[in-house]
Amino acid sequence: IFSSTAVGEDGTVYFGSADNCLHGVYPNGTKRFSFETGGIVYGGPSIGPDGTIYFGSLDNRTYALTAAGNLKWTFESGAVYGSPAVGKDAVYVGAGASVQAINSDGSLRWKSATGGLVGTRPAIGQDGTVYAGSFDHTFYAIGQDGTKKWTFQTGGPIGSSAAVGNDGTVYFGSADMALHALNSDGTQKWGFKTGNMMDSSPVLGPDGDIYIGSE
């Protein structure tokens, strides 16, 4: 099990596994369902406000299930290693060498190409900007219409999902051994060096402190 977990309003726990399935488990530990895909479910699921479960698989597809594990739709997105991000009117995934916006009915809204694999969960800013890093050493900011707003180069692949602060500052780690903080216009606010690469994702505390692990 490489996947993170998501917990539904009724306490059901959802997670993916290398057995090619997304599993739903009741709070008492009994199985609710196992939904089989054609590949490893590497990234964790995300739950929409209506209870829909979104996740991707290495079978090159993104899935939407009901809370009971029934298929709503599937979309041929490309391999998904990270979790989807649920926006107000679309689901955003890093799939293959791209970031994609998928409508609630499973149709493609837009696809923005990158120069390498996007293996993380996209982050959504307050203005709707979608942020994602790639293995091409580049961090991308993408507008709601799918056009690139700006890019930022790092010294290594980016395997860290981003976190967005209340002031619009974007934080993410990189294999260049730094935690990067960018302004909302793509300029660097600061960089903090650690002793090794950072594939984990930053978490922001209520006081604005930033927590991230390094290898």
Protein backbone atom coordinates (compact mmCIF):
# COMPACT_ATOMS: atom_id res chain seq x y z
CA ILE A 1 0.00 0.00 0.00
CA PHE A 2 1.63 3.21 -1.23
CA SER A 3 -1.59 5.21 -1.18
CA SER A 4 -2.69 7.77 1.36
CA THR A 5 -6.20 7.39 2.78
CA ALA A 6 -9.39 9.45 2.59
CA VAL A 7 -12.23 9.25 5.10
CA GLY A 8 -15.88 9.72 4.10
CA GLU A 9 -18.52 11.50 6.15
CA ASP A 10 -19.81 8.14 7.43
CA GLY A 11 -16.31 7.12 8.55
CA THR A 12 -15.57 4.78 5.64
CA VAL A 13 -11.83 4.69 4.91
CA TYR A 14 -10.75 4.59 1.26
CA PHE A 15 -7.26 3.70 0.01
CA GLY A 16 -5.50 2.20 -2.99
CA SER A 17 -3.17 -0.78 -3.16
CA ALA A 18 -0.69 -2.58 -5.39
CA ASP A 19 -3.34 -5.30 -5.77
CA ASN A 20 -4.83 -2.94 -8.42
CA CYS A 21 -7.82 -2.09 -6.23
CA LEU A 22 -9.34 0.84 -4.43
CA HIS A 23 -10.64 -0.44 -1.10
CA GLY A 24 -13.42 0.89 1.10
CA VAL A 25 -13.35 -0.21 4.73
CA TYR A 26 -16.01 0.47 7.37
CA PRO A 27 -14.89 2.14 10.64
CA ASN A 28 -15.05 -1.25 12.41
CA GLY A 29 -12.50 -2.69 9.96
CA THR A 30 -14.86 -4.79 7.82
CA LYS A 31 -14.69 -4.48 4.05
CA ARG A 32 -17.25 -2.32 2.29
CA PHE A 33 -16.00 -2.92 -1.25
CA SER A 34 -12.93 -3.50 -3.43
CA PHE A 35 -13.02 -1.91 -6.87
CA GLU A 36 -10.51 -3.46 -9.27
CA THR A 37 -8.65 -1.46 -11.93
CA GLY A 38 -6.13 -2.58 -14.53
CA GLY A 39 -3.08 -1.30 -12.66
CA ILE A 40 -1.61 -0.32 -9.30
CA VAL A 41 -3.56 2.37 -7.43
CA TYR A 42 -0.51 4.29 -6.27
CA GLY A 43 -1.96 7.65 -5.27
CA GLY A 44 -4.62 8.20 -2.65
CA PRO A 45 -8.27 8.94 -3.39
CA SER A 46 -10.01 12.30 -2.92
CA ILE A 47 -13.64 12.79 -1.95
CA GLY A 48 -15.87 15.42 -3.54
CA PRO A 49 -18.52 17.41 -1.63
CA ASP A 50 -21.23 15.05 -2.92
CA GLY A 51 -19.33 11.98 -1.68
CA THR A 52 -17.91 10.98 -5.07
CA ILE A 53 -14.54 9.23 -4.77
CA TYR A 54 -11.91 10.25 -7.33
CA PHE A 55 -8.64 8.39 -7.87
CA GLY A 56 -6.19 7.41 -10.56
CA SER A 57 -4.50 4.17 -11.51
CA LEU A 58 -1.37 3.12 -13.35
CA ASP A 59 -3.71 1.59 -15.95
CA ASN A 60 -3.75 5.12 -17.47
CA ARG A 61 -7.20 5.99 -16.16
CA THR A 62 -8.87 8.31 -13.67
CA TYR A 63 -11.98 6.96 -11.92
CA ALA A 64 -15.04 8.37 -10.17
CA LEU A 65 -16.98 6.04 -7.84
CA THR A 66 -20.00 6.40 -5.61
CA ALA A 67 -19.49 6.04 -1.87
CA ALA A 68 -20.69 2.43 -2.22
CA GLY A 69 -17.96 1.65 -4.77
CA ASN A 70 -20.05 1.76 -7.96
CA LEU A 71 -18.47 3.23 -11.08
CA LYS A 72 -19.76 6.65 -12.14
CA TRP A 73 -17.25 7.21 -14.93
CA THR A 74 -13.70 6.56 -16.03
CA PHE A 75 -11.46 8.78 -18.15
CA GLU A 76 -8.37 7.78 -20.14
CA SER A 77 -6.01 10.32 -18.62
CA GLY A 78 -2.65 8.53 -18.61
CA ALA A 79 -0.91 7.04 -15.58
CA VAL A 80 -1.78 8.78 -12.30
CA TYR A 81 0.72 8.52 -9.43
CA GLY A 82 -0.70 11.21 -7.16
CA SER A 83 -4.09 12.05 -5.73
CA PRO A 84 -6.64 14.15 -7.63
CA ALA A 85 -7.50 17.63 -6.40
CA VAL A 86 -11.20 18.44 -6.26
CA GLY A 87 -12.05 21.99 -7.33
CA LYS A 88 -15.34 23.86 -7.43
CA ASP A 89 -16.31 22.62 -10.88
CA ALA A 90 -13.56 20.22 -11.99
CA VAL A 91 -11.17 17.52 -10.80
CA TYR A 92 -7.47 18.11 -11.42
CA VAL A 93 -4.95 15.31 -11.89
CA GLY A 94 -1.29 14.97 -12.73
CA ALA A 95 -1.32 12.29 -15.41
CA GLY A 96 1.73 11.31 -17.42
CA ALA A 97 3.53 14.46 -18.57
CA SER A 98 0.54 16.75 -18.08
CA VAL A 99 -1.90 18.39 -15.71
CA GLN A 100 -5.53 17.79 -16.65
CA ALA A 101 -8.88 19.26 -15.64
CA ILE A 102 -11.75 16.77 -15.83
CA ASN A 103 -15.38 17.87 -15.70
CA SER A 104 -17.81 16.34 -13.20
CA ASP A 105 -19.29 14.18 -15.98
CA GLY A 106 -15.91 12.63 -16.83
CA SER A 107 -15.17 14.69 -19.94
CA LEU A 108 -11.90 16.56 -20.47
CA ARG A 109 -11.98 20.30 -19.84
CA TRP A 110 -8.34 20.97 -20.66
CA LYS A 111 -4.91 19.36 -20.73
CA SER A 112 -1.70 21.30 -20.10
CA ALA A 113 1.50 19.53 -21.16
CA THR A 114 4.67 19.49 -19.06
CA GLY A 115 8.19 18.41 -19.90
CA GLY A 116 8.17 15.39 -17.59
CA LEU A 117 6.08 13.19 -15.33
CA VAL A 118 3.72 14.90 -12.89
CA GLY A 119 3.63 12.42 -10.01
CA THR A 120 2.00 14.60 -7.37
CA ARG A 121 -1.35 16.03 -6.39
CA PRO A 122 -2.05 19.45 -7.92
CA ALA A 123 -2.78 22.33 -5.55
CA ILE A 124 -5.48 24.93 -6.15
CA GLY A 125 -5.02 28.58 -5.19
CA GLN A 126 -7.80 30.85 -3.94
CA ASP A 127 -8.05 32.42 -7.40
CA GLY A 128 -8.38 29.00 -9.06
CA THR A 129 -4.76 28.78 -10.27
CA VAL A 130 -3.58 25.16 -10.41
CA TYR A 131 -0.03 24.44 -9.21
CA ALA A 132 2.01 21.31 -9.89
CA GLY A 133 5.65 20.26 -10.06
CA SER A 134 7.18 17.89 -12.58
CA PHE A 135 10.17 15.60 -12.95
CA ASP A 136 11.44 18.03 -15.61
CA HIS A 137 12.74 20.25 -12.72
CA THR A 138 9.92 22.73 -13.38
CA PHE A 139 7.07 24.02 -11.23
CA TYR A 140 3.97 25.13 -13.15
CA ALA A 141 1.17 27.61 -12.48
CA ILE A 142 -1.81 27.01 -14.77
CA GLY A 143 -4.86 29.23 -15.18
CA GLN A 144 -8.47 28.08 -15.13
CA ASP A 145 -8.51 27.98 -18.93
CA GLY A 146 -5.53 25.61 -19.04
CA THR A 147 -2.94 28.17 -20.17
CA LYS A 148 0.37 28.40 -18.32
CA LYS A 149 0.68 31.54 -16.23
CA TRP A 150 4.32 31.02 -15.29
CA THR A 151 6.98 28.40 -14.60
CA PHE A 152 9.80 28.18 -12.06
CA GLN A 153 12.97 26.13 -12.52
CA THR A 154 14.51 24.12 -9.67
CA GLY A 155 17.72 22.13 -9.49
CA GLY A 156 16.08 18.71 -9.50
CA PRO A 157 12.90 16.70 -10.08
CA ILE A 158 9.84 17.78 -8.07
CA GLY A 159 8.09 14.92 -6.30
CA SER A 160 6.44 17.09 -3.67
CA SER A 161 2.88 18.35 -3.84
CA ALA A 162 2.48 22.06 -3.17
CA ALA A 163 0.73 23.87 -0.33
CA VAL A 164 -0.74 27.35 -0.75
CA GLY A 165 -0.75 29.82 2.14
CA ASN A 166 -3.51 32.29 2.95
CA ASP A 167 -1.41 35.07 1.43
CA GLY A 168 -0.98 33.17 -1.84
CA THR A 169 2.57 31.97 -1.15
CA VAL A 170 3.20 28.55 -2.73
CA TYR A 171 5.44 26.05 -0.92
CA PHE A 172 6.94 22.82 -2.29
CA GLY A 173 10.01 20.62 -1.89
CA SER A 174 12.40 19.39 -4.56
CA ALA A 175 15.23 16.92 -5.13
CA ASP A 176 17.55 19.96 -5.19
CA MET A 177 17.46 19.69 -1.37
CA ALA A 178 15.40 22.84 -0.89
CA LEU A 179 11.99 23.89 0.29
CA HIS A 180 10.90 26.64 -2.09
CA ALA A 181 8.52 29.48 -1.30
CA LEU A 182 7.18 31.37 -4.33
CA ASN A 183 5.07 34.47 -4.60
CA SER A 184 1.81 34.16 -6.51
CA ASP A 185 3.50 35.78 -9.55
CA GLY A 186 6.16 33.03 -9.72
CA THR A 187 9.04 34.97 -8.20
CA GLN A 188 11.01 33.31 -5.43
CA LYS A 189 10.25 34.49 -1.92
CA TRP A 190 12.87 32.30 -0.29
CA GLY A 191 14.50 28.86 -0.38
CA PHE A 192 15.44 26.74 2.62
CA LYS A 193 18.21 24.17 2.15
CA THR A 194 18.14 20.78 3.90
CA GLY A 195 20.65 17.95 3.90
CA ASN A 196 18.87 15.84 1.30
CA MET A 197 16.05 15.71 -1.24
CA MET A 198 12.43 16.34 -0.28
CA ASP A 199 9.77 14.15 -1.87
CA SER A 200 7.29 14.72 0.95
CA SER A 201 4.74 17.50 0.79
CA PRO A 202 4.65 20.54 3.08
CA VAL A 203 1.87 21.07 5.61
CA LEU A 204 0.94 24.51 6.87
CA GLY A 205 0.08 25.01 10.53
CA PRO A 206 -2.63 27.43 11.72
CA ASP A 207 0.09 29.88 12.76
CA GLY A 208 1.72 29.80 9.31
CA ASP A 209 4.59 27.50 10.25
CA ILE A 210 5.60 25.04 7.50
CA TYR A 211 6.35 21.39 8.19
CA ILE A 212 8.14 19.11 5.72
CA GLY A 213 10.35 16.05 5.90
CA SER A 214 13.66 15.44 4.15
CA GLU A 215 15.43 12.20 3.25
